[in-house]
Amino acid sequence: MAETGAEIQAVTDAEFESIVLKADRPVLVDFWAAWCGPCRMIAPIVEQLHGELGDKVTVMKMDIDENPATPISLGIASIPTVIIFKDGKPADRTVGYRPNMKGDLKAKLEALISPA
């Protein structure tokens, strides 16, 4: 599916705390659903970020229909929503699709990456 190497992993409600909140690097989570048209517009952007920054950040996606608890606990009211987590807390939230979304998200992620 993604031509940039490994496919983006899906995260579930059960795994969210251990995989996302306890991660030792920034984690971008794309909250989506199969019926959401704008979510399909964001998917290639998220895949490109995964390909370009995948060794410095973790990129995940969560189907909100299959995993309703986490989006509710985060107060996600509409999708697509992309949240960047750092040190177990949401550091940035982007709701909806917009032009130059990739550049914005990449800049925000790069600002959160700890120097090696």
PDB file of N, CA and C in Angstrom:
ATOM      1  N   MET A   1       0.839  -1.196   0.000  1.00  0.00           N
ATOM      2  CA  MET A   1       0.000   0.000   0.000  1.00  0.00           C
ATOM      3  C   MET A   1       0.879   1.252   0.000  1.00  0.00           C
ATOM      4  N   ALA A   2       1.611   1.496   1.086  1.00  0.00           N
ATOM      5  CA  ALA A   2       2.530   2.623   1.105  1.00  0.00           C
ATOM      6  C   ALA A   2       3.814   2.214   0.397  1.00  0.00           C
ATOM      7  N   GLU A   3       4.334   3.088  -0.433  1.00  0.00           N
ATOM      8  CA  GLU A   3       5.541   2.754  -1.170  1.00  0.00           C
ATOM      9  C   GLU A   3       6.786   3.248  -0.453  1.00  0.00           C
ATOM     10  N   THR A   4       6.633   3.778   0.739  1.00  0.00           N
ATOM     11  CA  THR A   4       7.759   4.349   1.467  1.00  0.00           C
ATOM     12  C   THR A   4       8.330   3.369   2.486  1.00  0.00           C
ATOM     13  N   GLY A   5       8.105   2.088   2.286  1.00  0.00           N
ATOM     14  CA  GLY A   5       8.651   1.118   3.237  1.00  0.00           C
ATOM     15  C   GLY A   5       7.544   0.503   4.049  1.00  0.00           C
ATOM     16  N   ALA A   6       7.749   0.437   5.347  1.00  0.00           N
ATOM     17  CA  ALA A   6       6.781  -0.211   6.227  1.00  0.00           C
ATOM     18  C   ALA A   6       5.459   0.548   6.239  1.00  0.00           C
ATOM     19  N   GLU A   7       4.373  -0.207   6.267  1.00  0.00           N
ATOM     20  CA  GLU A   7       3.048   0.406   6.309  1.00  0.00           C
ATOM     21  C   GLU A   7       2.812   1.011   7.691  1.00  0.00           C
ATOM     22  N   ILE A   8       2.017   2.048   7.733  1.00  0.00           N
ATOM     23  CA  ILE A   8       1.695   2.700   9.005  1.00  0.00           C
ATOM     24  C   ILE A   8       0.902   1.724   9.865  1.00  0.00           C
ATOM     25  N   GLN A   9       1.313   1.584  11.100  1.00  0.00           N
ATOM     26  CA  GLN A   9       0.663   0.654  12.017  1.00  0.00           C
ATOM     27  C   GLN A   9      -0.606   1.269  12.589  1.00  0.00           C
ATOM     28  N   ALA A  10      -1.605   0.431  12.782  1.00  0.00           N
ATOM     29  CA  ALA A  10      -2.828   0.852  13.452  1.00  0.00           C
ATOM     30  C   ALA A  10      -2.647   0.645  14.948  1.00  0.00           C
ATOM     31  N   VAL A  11      -3.202   1.542  15.742  1.00  0.00           N
ATOM     32  CA  VAL A  11      -3.140   1.417  17.197  1.00  0.00           C
ATOM     33  C   VAL A  11      -4.568   1.297  17.715  1.00  0.00           C
ATOM     34  N   THR A  12      -4.750   0.472  18.735  1.00  0.00           N
ATOM     35  CA  THR A  12      -6.076   0.250  19.306  1.00  0.00           C
ATOM     36  C   THR A  12      -6.199   0.946  20.652  1.00  0.00           C
ATOM     37  N   ASP A  13      -7.441   1.012  21.154  1.00  0.00           N
ATOM     38  CA  ASP A  13      -7.659   1.567  22.497  1.00  0.00           C
ATOM     39  C   ASP A  13      -6.772   0.854  23.516  1.00  0.00           C
ATOM     40  N   ALA A  14      -6.707  -0.473  23.420  1.00  0.00           N
ATOM     41  CA  ALA A  14      -5.969  -1.267  24.410  1.00  0.00           C
ATOM     42  C   ALA A  14      -4.468  -0.974  24.391  1.00  0.00           C
ATOM     43  N   GLU A  15      -3.936  -0.656  23.214  1.00  0.00           N
ATOM     44  CA  GLU A  15      -2.493  -0.425  23.085  1.00  0.00           C
ATOM     45  C   GLU A  15      -2.092   1.032  23.234  1.00  0.00           C
ATOM     46  N   PHE A  16      -3.069   1.933  23.224  1.00  0.00           N
ATOM     47  CA  PHE A  16      -2.770   3.362  23.089  1.00  0.00           C
ATOM     48  C   PHE A  16      -1.796   3.864  24.152  1.00  0.00           C
ATOM     49  N   GLU A  17      -2.056   3.517  25.405  1.00  0.00           N
ATOM     50  CA  GLU A  17      -1.184   4.024  26.465  1.00  0.00           C
ATOM     51  C   GLU A  17       0.242   3.517  26.301  1.00  0.00           C
ATOM     52  N   SER A  18       0.407   2.220  26.087  1.00  0.00           N
ATOM     53  CA  SER A  18       1.758   1.661  26.026  1.00  0.00           C
ATOM     54  C   SER A  18       2.504   2.091  24.771  1.00  0.00           C
ATOM     55  N   ILE A  19       1.812   2.193  23.639  1.00  0.00           N
ATOM     56  CA  ILE A  19       2.499   2.512  22.385  1.00  0.00           C
ATOM     57  C   ILE A  19       2.668   4.017  22.186  1.00  0.00           C
ATOM     58  N   VAL A  20       1.625   4.789  22.476  1.00  0.00           N
ATOM     59  CA  VAL A  20       1.656   6.223  22.173  1.00  0.00           C
ATOM     60  C   VAL A  20       2.104   7.046  23.378  1.00  0.00           C
ATOM     61  N   LEU A  21       1.425   6.882  24.500  1.00  0.00           N
ATOM     62  CA  LEU A  21       1.690   7.758  25.645  1.00  0.00           C
ATOM     63  C   LEU A  21       3.029   7.471  26.317  1.00  0.00           C
ATOM     64  N   LYS A  22       3.521   6.240  26.213  1.00  0.00           N
ATOM     65  CA  LYS A  22       4.797   5.893  26.850  1.00  0.00           C
ATOM     66  C   LYS A  22       5.952   5.854  25.863  1.00  0.00           C
ATOM     67  N   ALA A  23       5.744   6.360  24.661  1.00  0.00           N
ATOM     68  CA  ALA A  23       6.804   6.363  23.647  1.00  0.00           C
ATOM     69  C   ALA A  23       7.923   7.318  24.051  1.00  0.00           C
ATOM     70  N   ASP A  24       9.137   6.986  23.623  1.00  0.00           N
ATOM     71  CA  ASP A  24      10.293   7.827  23.957  1.00  0.00           C
ATOM     72  C   ASP A  24      10.620   8.829  22.858  1.00  0.00           C
ATOM     73  N   ARG A  25       9.720   8.957  21.884  1.00  0.00           N
ATOM     74  CA  ARG A  25       9.894   9.947  20.823  1.00  0.00           C
ATOM     75  C   ARG A  25       8.516  10.445  20.409  1.00  0.00           C
ATOM     76  N   PRO A  26       8.452  11.534  19.641  1.00  0.00           N
ATOM     77  CA  PRO A  26       7.142  12.050  19.228  1.00  0.00           C
ATOM     78  C   PRO A  26       6.350  11.003  18.449  1.00  0.00           C
ATOM     79  N   VAL A  27       5.034  11.011  18.669  1.00  0.00           N
ATOM     80  CA  VAL A  27       4.140  10.083  17.977  1.00  0.00           C
ATOM     81  C   VAL A  27       3.027  10.888  17.309  1.00  0.00           C
ATOM     82  N   LEU A  28       2.871  10.706  16.012  1.00  0.00           N
ATOM     83  CA  LEU A  28       1.768  11.315  15.276  1.00  0.00           C
ATOM     84  C   LEU A  28       0.691  10.256  15.124  1.00  0.00           C
ATOM     85  N   VAL A  29      -0.532  10.584  15.543  1.00  0.00           N
ATOM     86  CA  VAL A  29      -1.648   9.652  15.400  1.00  0.00           C
ATOM     87  C   VAL A  29      -2.707  10.293  14.503  1.00  0.00           C
ATOM     88  N   ASP A  30      -3.053   9.571  13.444  1.00  0.00           N
ATOM     89  CA  ASP A  30      -4.091   9.992  12.503  1.00  0.00           C
ATOM     90  C   ASP A  30      -5.380   9.281  12.906  1.00  0.00           C
ATOM     91  N   PHE A  31      -6.343  10.040  13.441  1.00  0.00           N
ATOM     92  CA  PHE A  31      -7.643   9.476  13.824  1.00  0.00           C
ATOM     93  C   PHE A  31      -8.558   9.571  12.608  1.00  0.00           C
ATOM     94  N   TRP A  32      -9.091   8.444  12.142  1.00  0.00           N
ATOM     95  CA  TRP A  32      -9.811   8.381  10.875  1.00  0.00           C
ATOM     96  C   TRP A  32     -10.942   7.362  10.964  1.00  0.00           C
ATOM     97  N   ALA A  33     -11.725   7.306   9.881  1.00  0.00           N
ATOM     98  CA  ALA A  33     -12.748   6.272   9.722  1.00  0.00           C
ATOM     99  C   ALA A  33     -12.909   5.995   8.231  1.00  0.00           C
ATOM    100  N   ALA A  34     -13.333   4.779   7.910  1.00  0.00           N
ATOM    101  CA  ALA A  34     -13.438   4.353   6.510  1.00  0.00           C
ATOM    102  C   ALA A  34     -14.411   5.223   5.712  1.00  0.00           C
ATOM    103  N   TRP A  35     -15.458   5.750   6.360  1.00  0.00           N
ATOM    104  CA  TRP A  35     -16.485   6.533   5.661  1.00  0.00           C
ATOM    105  C   TRP A  35     -16.112   8.002   5.484  1.00  0.00           C
ATOM    106  N   CYS A  36     -14.967   8.413   5.996  1.00  0.00           N
ATOM    107  CA  CYS A  36     -14.578   9.834   6.030  1.00  0.00           C
ATOM    108  C   CYS A  36     -13.770  10.205   4.783  1.00  0.00           C
ATOM    109  N   GLY A  37     -14.373  11.000   3.888  1.00  0.00           N
ATOM    110  CA  GLY A  37     -13.698  11.428   2.667  1.00  0.00           C
ATOM    111  C   GLY A  37     -12.416  12.215   2.908  1.00  0.00           C
ATOM    112  N   PRO A  38     -12.455  13.271   3.741  1.00  0.00           N
ATOM    113  CA  PRO A  38     -11.223  14.027   4.001  1.00  0.00           C
ATOM    114  C   PRO A  38     -10.120  13.173   4.630  1.00  0.00           C
ATOM    115  N   CYS A  39     -10.494  12.111   5.341  1.00  0.00           N
ATOM    116  CA  CYS A  39      -9.477  11.221   5.922  1.00  0.00           C
ATOM    117  C   CYS A  39      -8.642  10.591   4.812  1.00  0.00           C
ATOM    118  N   ARG A  40      -9.281  10.268   3.698  1.00  0.00           N
ATOM    119  CA  ARG A  40      -8.553   9.669   2.573  1.00  0.00           C
ATOM    120  C   ARG A  40      -7.620  10.683   1.924  1.00  0.00           C
ATOM    121  N   MET A  41      -7.934  11.984   2.052  1.00  0.00           N
ATOM    122  CA  MET A  41      -7.056  13.022   1.512  1.00  0.00           C
ATOM    123  C   MET A  41      -5.809  13.189   2.384  1.00  0.00           C
ATOM    124  N   ILE A  42      -5.955  12.925   3.662  1.00  0.00           N
ATOM    125  CA  ILE A  42      -4.839  13.075   4.593  1.00  0.00           C
ATOM    126  C   ILE A  42      -3.913  11.859   4.563  1.00  0.00           C
ATOM    127  N   ALA A  43      -4.445  10.695   4.261  1.00  0.00           N
ATOM    128  CA  ALA A  43      -3.663   9.453   4.317  1.00  0.00           C
ATOM    129  C   ALA A  43      -2.327   9.537   3.574  1.00  0.00           C
ATOM    130  N   PRO A  44      -2.281  10.049   2.321  1.00  0.00           N
ATOM    131  CA  PRO A  44      -0.976  10.112   1.644  1.00  0.00           C
ATOM    132  C   PRO A  44       0.012  11.048   2.329  1.00  0.00           C
ATOM    133  N   ILE A  45      -0.490  12.122   2.950  1.00  0.00           N
ATOM    134  CA  ILE A  45       0.375  13.056   3.681  1.00  0.00           C
ATOM    135  C   ILE A  45       1.005  12.336   4.860  1.00  0.00           C
ATOM    136  N   VAL A  46       0.188  11.612   5.601  1.00  0.00           N
ATOM    137  CA  VAL A  46       0.677  10.880   6.769  1.00  0.00           C
ATOM    138  C   VAL A  46       1.705   9.824   6.324  1.00  0.00           C
ATOM    139  N   GLU A  47       1.432   9.169   5.195  1.00  0.00           N
ATOM    140  CA  GLU A  47       2.376   8.164   4.684  1.00  0.00           C
ATOM    141  C   GLU A  47       3.700   8.811   4.278  1.00  0.00           C
ATOM    142  N   GLN A  48       3.650   9.990   3.675  1.00  0.00           N
ATOM    143  CA  GLN A  48       4.886  10.691   3.300  1.00  0.00           C
ATOM    144  C   GLN A  48       5.691  11.081   4.536  1.00  0.00           C
ATOM    145  N   LEU A  49       5.014  11.575   5.560  1.00  0.00           N
ATOM    146  CA  LEU A  49       5.712  11.925   6.805  1.00  0.00           C
ATOM    147  C   LEU A  49       6.355  10.685   7.423  1.00  0.00           C
ATOM    148  N   HIS A  50       5.636   9.578   7.388  1.00  0.00           N
ATOM    149  CA  HIS A  50       6.155   8.315   7.904  1.00  0.00           C
ATOM    150  C   HIS A  50       7.423   7.927   7.136  1.00  0.00           C
ATOM    151  N   GLY A  51       7.399   8.100   5.809  1.00  0.00           N
ATOM    152  CA  GLY A  51       8.554   7.757   4.993  1.00  0.00           C
ATOM    153  C   GLY A  51       9.746   8.670   5.245  1.00  0.00           C
ATOM    154  N   GLU A  52       9.481   9.953   5.481  1.00  0.00           N
ATOM    155  CA  GLU A  52      10.566  10.926   5.630  1.00  0.00           C
ATOM    156  C   GLU A  52      11.119  11.002   7.050  1.00  0.00           C
ATOM    157  N   LEU A  53      10.254  10.789   8.044  1.00  0.00           N
ATOM    158  CA  LEU A  53      10.683  10.962   9.444  1.00  0.00           C
ATOM    159  C   LEU A  53      10.558   9.678  10.256  1.00  0.00           C
ATOM    160  N   GLY A  54      10.272   8.572   9.580  1.00  0.00           N
ATOM    161  CA  GLY A  54       9.933   7.339  10.284  1.00  0.00           C
ATOM    162  C   GLY A  54      10.956   6.821  11.265  1.00  0.00           C
ATOM    163  N   ASP A  55      12.240   7.189  11.090  1.00  0.00           N
ATOM    164  CA  ASP A  55      13.232   6.717  12.052  1.00  0.00           C
ATOM    165  C   ASP A  55      13.359   7.650  13.249  1.00  0.00           C
ATOM    166  N   LYS A  56      12.724   8.821  13.202  1.00  0.00           N
ATOM    167  CA  LYS A  56      12.820   9.790  14.305  1.00  0.00           C
ATOM    168  C   LYS A  56      11.517   9.950  15.075  1.00  0.00           C
ATOM    169  N   VAL A  57      10.418   9.606  14.414  1.00  0.00           N
ATOM    170  CA  VAL A  57       9.098   9.710  15.042  1.00  0.00           C
ATOM    171  C   VAL A  57       8.334   8.416  14.782  1.00  0.00           C
ATOM    172  N   THR A  58       7.278   8.225  15.538  1.00  0.00           N
ATOM    173  CA  THR A  58       6.390   7.089  15.311  1.00  0.00           C
ATOM    174  C   THR A  58       5.115   7.632  14.688  1.00  0.00           C
ATOM    175  N   VAL A  59       4.651   6.994  13.620  1.00  0.00           N
ATOM    176  CA  VAL A  59       3.422   7.412  12.949  1.00  0.00           C
ATOM    177  C   VAL A  59       2.430   6.257  13.057  1.00  0.00           C
ATOM    178  N   MET A  60       1.250   6.549  13.596  1.00  0.00           N
ATOM    179  CA  MET A  60       0.224   5.537  13.814  1.00  0.00           C
ATOM    180  C   MET A  60      -1.098   6.050  13.257  1.00  0.00           C
ATOM    181  N   LYS A  61      -2.060   5.145  13.102  1.00  0.00           N
ATOM    182  CA  LYS A  61      -3.418   5.567  12.753  1.00  0.00           C
ATOM    183  C   LYS A  61      -4.394   4.802  13.626  1.00  0.00           C
ATOM    184  N   MET A  62      -5.536   5.437  13.907  1.00  0.00           N
ATOM    185  CA  MET A  62      -6.556   4.810  14.737  1.00  0.00           C
ATOM    186  C   MET A  62      -7.909   4.972  14.082  1.00  0.00           C
ATOM    187  N   ASP A  63      -8.578   3.826  13.846  1.00  0.00           N
ATOM    188  CA  ASP A  63      -9.940   3.821  13.313  1.00  0.00           C
ATOM    189  C   ASP A  63     -10.881   4.120  14.481  1.00  0.00           C
ATOM    190  N   ILE A  64     -11.541   5.282  14.430  1.00  0.00           N
ATOM    191  CA  ILE A  64     -12.366   5.694  15.575  1.00  0.00           C
ATOM    192  C   ILE A  64     -13.624   4.856  15.730  1.00  0.00           C
ATOM    193  N   ASP A  65     -14.066   4.206  14.649  1.00  0.00           N
ATOM    194  CA  ASP A  65     -15.243   3.337  14.765  1.00  0.00           C
ATOM    195  C   ASP A  65     -14.910   2.058  15.531  1.00  0.00           C
ATOM    196  N   GLU A  66     -13.713   1.529  15.300  1.00  0.00           N
ATOM    197  CA  GLU A  66     -13.299   0.306  15.985  1.00  0.00           C
ATOM    198  C   GLU A  66     -12.761   0.584  17.380  1.00  0.00           C
ATOM    199  N   ASN A  67     -12.313   1.809  17.615  1.00  0.00           N
ATOM    200  CA  ASN A  67     -11.684   2.178  18.894  1.00  0.00           C
ATOM    201  C   ASN A  67     -12.261   3.497  19.392  1.00  0.00           C
ATOM    202  N   PRO A  68     -13.490   3.474  19.952  1.00  0.00           N
ATOM    203  CA  PRO A  68     -14.128   4.738  20.331  1.00  0.00           C
ATOM    204  C   PRO A  68     -13.630   5.354  21.642  1.00  0.00           C
ATOM    205  N   ALA A  69     -13.039   4.579  22.530  1.00  0.00           N
ATOM    206  CA  ALA A  69     -12.706   5.094  23.865  1.00  0.00           C
ATOM    207  C   ALA A  69     -11.633   6.179  23.820  1.00  0.00           C
ATOM    208  N   THR A  70     -10.563   5.949  23.077  1.00  0.00           N
ATOM    209  CA  THR A  70      -9.472   6.923  23.029  1.00  0.00           C
ATOM    210  C   THR A  70      -9.911   8.249  22.422  1.00  0.00           C
ATOM    211  N   PRO A  71     -10.587   8.262  21.266  1.00  0.00           N
ATOM    212  CA  PRO A  71     -11.040   9.552  20.730  1.00  0.00           C
ATOM    213  C   PRO A  71     -11.964  10.303  21.694  1.00  0.00           C
ATOM    214  N   ILE A  72     -12.844   9.575  22.396  1.00  0.00           N
ATOM    215  CA  ILE A  72     -13.729  10.226  23.366  1.00  0.00           C
ATOM    216  C   ILE A  72     -12.904  10.838  24.492  1.00  0.00           C
ATOM    217  N   SER A  73     -11.918  10.095  24.997  1.00  0.00           N
ATOM    218  CA  SER A  73     -11.113  10.604  26.118  1.00  0.00           C
ATOM    219  C   SER A  73     -10.279  11.814  25.689  1.00  0.00           C
ATOM    220  N   LEU A  74      -9.951  11.914  24.408  1.00  0.00           N
ATOM    221  CA  LEU A  74      -9.170  13.040  23.905  1.00  0.00           C
ATOM    222  C   LEU A  74     -10.053  14.199  23.432  1.00  0.00           C
ATOM    223  N   GLY A  75     -11.366  14.004  23.481  1.00  0.00           N
ATOM    224  CA  GLY A  75     -12.286  15.063  23.076  1.00  0.00           C
ATOM    225  C   GLY A  75     -12.314  15.304  21.581  1.00  0.00           C
ATOM    226  N   ILE A  76     -12.079  14.254  20.796  1.00  0.00           N
ATOM    227  CA  ILE A  76     -12.116  14.400  19.338  1.00  0.00           C
ATOM    228  C   ILE A  76     -13.572  14.438  18.890  1.00  0.00           C
ATOM    229  N   ALA A  77     -13.973  15.569  18.327  1.00  0.00           N
ATOM    230  CA  ALA A  77     -15.368  15.767  17.936  1.00  0.00           C
ATOM    231  C   ALA A  77     -15.578  15.551  16.443  1.00  0.00           C
ATOM    232  N   SER A  78     -14.529  15.740  15.644  1.00  0.00           N
ATOM    233  CA  SER A  78     -14.664  15.544  14.202  1.00  0.00           C
ATOM    234  C   SER A  78     -13.367  14.971  13.655  1.00  0.00           C
ATOM    235  N   ILE A  79     -13.499  14.286  12.524  1.00  0.00           N
ATOM    236  CA  ILE A  79     -12.319  13.715  11.885  1.00  0.00           C
ATOM    237  C   ILE A  79     -12.263  14.219  10.457  1.00  0.00           C
ATOM    238  N   PRO A  80     -11.102  14.206   9.841  1.00  0.00           N
ATOM    239  CA  PRO A  80      -9.851  13.705  10.389  1.00  0.00           C
ATOM    240  C   PRO A  80      -9.268  14.639  11.452  1.00  0.00           C
ATOM    241  N   THR A  81      -8.679  14.041  12.465  1.00  0.00           N
ATOM    242  CA  THR A  81      -7.912  14.763  13.462  1.00  0.00           C
ATOM    243  C   THR A  81      -6.545  14.097  13.546  1.00  0.00           C
ATOM    244  N   VAL A  82      -5.501  14.893  13.497  1.00  0.00           N
ATOM    245  CA  VAL A  82      -4.140  14.395  13.652  1.00  0.00           C
ATOM    246  C   VAL A  82      -3.587  15.029  14.925  1.00  0.00           C
ATOM    247  N   ILE A  83      -3.138  14.176  15.852  1.00  0.00           N
ATOM    248  CA  ILE A  83      -2.564  14.678  17.096  1.00  0.00           C
ATOM    249  C   ILE A  83      -1.121  14.189  17.203  1.00  0.00           C
ATOM    250  N   ILE A  84      -0.233  15.111  17.536  1.00  0.00           N
ATOM    251  CA  ILE A  84       1.167  14.765  17.787  1.00  0.00           C
ATOM    252  C   ILE A  84       1.345  14.714  19.302  1.00  0.00           C
ATOM    253  N   PHE A  85       1.808  13.570  19.792  1.00  0.00           N
ATOM    254  CA  PHE A  85       2.038  13.382  21.218  1.00  0.00           C
ATOM    255  C   PHE A  85       3.530  13.455  21.502  1.00  0.00           C
ATOM    256  N   LYS A  86       3.879  14.077  22.626  1.00  0.00           N
ATOM    257  CA  LYS A  86       5.265  14.153  23.077  1.00  0.00           C
ATOM    258  C   LYS A  86       5.243  13.974  24.588  1.00  0.00           C
ATOM    259  N   ASP A  87       6.039  13.048  25.088  1.00  0.00           N
ATOM    260  CA  ASP A  87       6.106  12.773  26.532  1.00  0.00           C
ATOM    261  C   ASP A  87       4.732  12.475  27.121  1.00  0.00           C
ATOM    262  N   GLY A  88       3.909  11.730  26.373  1.00  0.00           N
ATOM    263  CA  GLY A  88       2.626  11.284  26.895  1.00  0.00           C
ATOM    264  C   GLY A  88       1.508  12.300  26.854  1.00  0.00           C
ATOM    265  N   LYS A  89       1.766  13.471  26.273  1.00  0.00           N
ATOM    266  CA  LYS A  89       0.732  14.507  26.226  1.00  0.00           C
ATOM    267  C   LYS A  89       0.569  15.008  24.792  1.00  0.00           C
ATOM    268  N   PRO A  90      -0.662  15.418  24.431  1.00  0.00           N
ATOM    269  CA  PRO A  90      -0.850  16.004  23.100  1.00  0.00           C
ATOM    270  C   PRO A  90      -0.067  17.312  22.993  1.00  0.00           C
ATOM    271  N   ALA A  91       0.826  17.385  22.007  1.00  0.00           N
ATOM    272  CA  ALA A  91       1.628  18.595  21.800  1.00  0.00           C
ATOM    273  C   ALA A  91       1.041  19.463  20.703  1.00  0.00           C
ATOM    274  N   ASP A  92       0.293  18.843  19.786  1.00  0.00           N
ATOM    275  CA  ASP A  92      -0.297  19.597  18.690  1.00  0.00           C
ATOM    276  C   ASP A  92      -1.488  18.838  18.143  1.00  0.00           C
ATOM    277  N   ARG A  93      -2.512  19.578  17.745  1.00  0.00           N
ATOM    278  CA  ARG A  93      -3.728  18.961  17.196  1.00  0.00           C
ATOM    279  C   ARG A  93      -4.121  19.699  15.926  1.00  0.00           C
ATOM    280  N   THR A  94      -4.352  18.942  14.853  1.00  0.00           N
ATOM    281  CA  THR A  94      -4.807  19.492  13.582  1.00  0.00           C
ATOM    282  C   THR A  94      -6.119  18.809  13.237  1.00  0.00           C
ATOM    283  N   VAL A  95      -7.164  19.604  13.028  1.00  0.00           N
ATOM    284  CA  VAL A  95      -8.478  19.048  12.698  1.00  0.00           C
ATOM    285  C   VAL A  95      -8.809  19.417  11.265  1.00  0.00           C
ATOM    286  N   GLY A  96      -9.209  18.403  10.481  1.00  0.00           N
ATOM    287  CA  GLY A  96      -9.598  18.640   9.103  1.00  0.00           C
ATOM    288  C   GLY A  96      -8.406  18.663   8.164  1.00  0.00           C
ATOM    289  N   TYR A  97      -8.735  18.706   6.883  1.00  0.00           N
ATOM    290  CA  TYR A  97      -7.708  18.765   5.843  1.00  0.00           C
ATOM    291  C   TYR A  97      -7.503  20.212   5.447  1.00  0.00           C
ATOM    292  N   ARG A  98      -6.257  20.580   5.171  1.00  0.00           N
ATOM    293  CA  ARG A  98      -6.006  21.920   4.648  1.00  0.00           C
ATOM    294  C   ARG A  98      -4.758  21.901   3.766  1.00  0.00           C
ATOM    295  N   PRO A  99      -4.649  22.860   2.849  1.00  0.00           N
ATOM    296  CA  PRO A  99      -3.453  22.940   2.006  1.00  0.00           C
ATOM    297  C   PRO A  99      -2.209  23.139   2.875  1.00  0.00           C
ATOM    298  N   ASN A 100      -1.089  22.654   2.405  1.00  0.00           N
ATOM    299  CA  ASN A 100       0.201  22.727   3.102  1.00  0.00           C
ATOM    300  C   ASN A 100       0.180  22.029   4.450  1.00  0.00           C
ATOM    301  N   MET A 101      -0.738  21.096   4.620  1.00  0.00           N
ATOM    302  CA  MET A 101      -0.804  20.351   5.875  1.00  0.00           C
ATOM    303  C   MET A 101       0.494  19.576   6.121  1.00  0.00           C
ATOM    304  N   LYS A 102       1.051  19.002   5.060  1.00  0.00           N
ATOM    305  CA  LYS A 102       2.277  18.218   5.225  1.00  0.00           C
ATOM    306  C   LYS A 102       3.409  19.091   5.757  1.00  0.00           C
ATOM    307  N   GLY A 103       3.588  20.270   5.174  1.00  0.00           N
ATOM    308  CA  GLY A 103       4.661  21.163   5.622  1.00  0.00           C
ATOM    309  C   GLY A 103       4.475  21.576   7.077  1.00  0.00           C
ATOM    310  N   ASP A 104       3.239  21.882   7.445  1.00  0.00           N
ATOM    311  CA  ASP A 104       2.951  22.277   8.827  1.00  0.00           C
ATOM    312  C   ASP A 104       3.266  21.144   9.794  1.00  0.00           C
ATOM    313  N   LEU A 105       2.768  19.949   9.480  1.00  0.00           N
ATOM    314  CA  LEU A 105       2.977  18.814  10.375  1.00  0.00           C
ATOM    315  C   LEU A 105       4.449  18.443  10.457  1.00  0.00           C
ATOM    316  N   LYS A 106       5.138  18.485   9.321  1.00  0.00           N
ATOM    317  CA  LYS A 106       6.559  18.131   9.330  1.00  0.00           C
ATOM    318  C   LYS A 106       7.348  19.113  10.196  1.00  0.00           C
ATOM    319  N   ALA A 107       7.046  20.411  10.071  1.00  0.00           N
ATOM    320  CA  ALA A 107       7.737  21.414  10.879  1.00  0.00           C
ATOM    321  C   ALA A 107       7.475  21.202  12.368  1.00  0.00           C
ATOM    322  N   LYS A 108       6.219  20.875  12.715  1.00  0.00           N
ATOM    323  CA  LYS A 108       5.874  20.653  14.122  1.00  0.00           C
ATOM    324  C   LYS A 108       6.588  19.414  14.652  1.00  0.00           C
ATOM    325  N   LEU A 109       6.628  18.347  13.849  1.00  0.00           N
ATOM    326  CA  LEU A 109       7.323  17.128  14.273  1.00  0.00           C
ATOM    327  C   LEU A 109       8.814  17.381  14.435  1.00  0.00           C
ATOM    328  N   GLU A 110       9.409  18.058  13.463  1.00  0.00           N
ATOM    329  CA  GLU A 110      10.856  18.313  13.536  1.00  0.00           C
ATOM    330  C   GLU A 110      11.219  19.149  14.746  1.00  0.00           C
ATOM    331  N   ALA A 111      10.322  20.074  15.139  1.00  0.00           N
ATOM    332  CA  ALA A 111      10.567  20.896  16.321  1.00  0.00           C
ATOM    333  C   ALA A 111      10.544  20.067  17.601  1.00  0.00           C
ATOM    334  N   LEU A 112       9.832  18.927  17.588  1.00  0.00           N
ATOM    335  CA  LEU A 112       9.714  18.089  18.776  1.00  0.00           C
ATOM    336  C   LEU A 112      10.768  16.984  18.843  1.00  0.00           C
ATOM    337  N   ILE A 113      11.457  16.746  17.733  1.00  0.00           N
ATOM    338  CA  ILE A 113      12.461  15.673  17.722  1.00  0.00           C
ATOM    339  C   ILE A 113      13.659  16.101  18.554  1.00  0.00           C
ATOM    340  N   SER A 114      14.028  15.255  19.491  1.00  0.00           N
ATOM    341  CA  SER A 114      15.187  15.546  20.333  1.00  0.00           C
ATOM    342  C   SER A 114      16.447  15.413  19.498  1.00  0.00           C
ATOM    343  N   PRO A 115      17.409  16.324  19.700  1.00  0.00           N
ATOM    344  CA  PRO A 115      18.663  16.199  18.954  1.00  0.00           C
ATOM    345  C   PRO A 115      19.336  14.874  19.306  1.00  0.00           C
ATOM    346  N   ALA A 116      19.930  14.253  18.337  1.00  0.00           N
ATOM    347  CA  ALA A 116      20.552  12.933  18.551  1.00  0.00           C
ATOM    348  C   ALA A 116      21.778  13.051  19.441  1.00  0.00           C
TER     349      ALA A 116
END
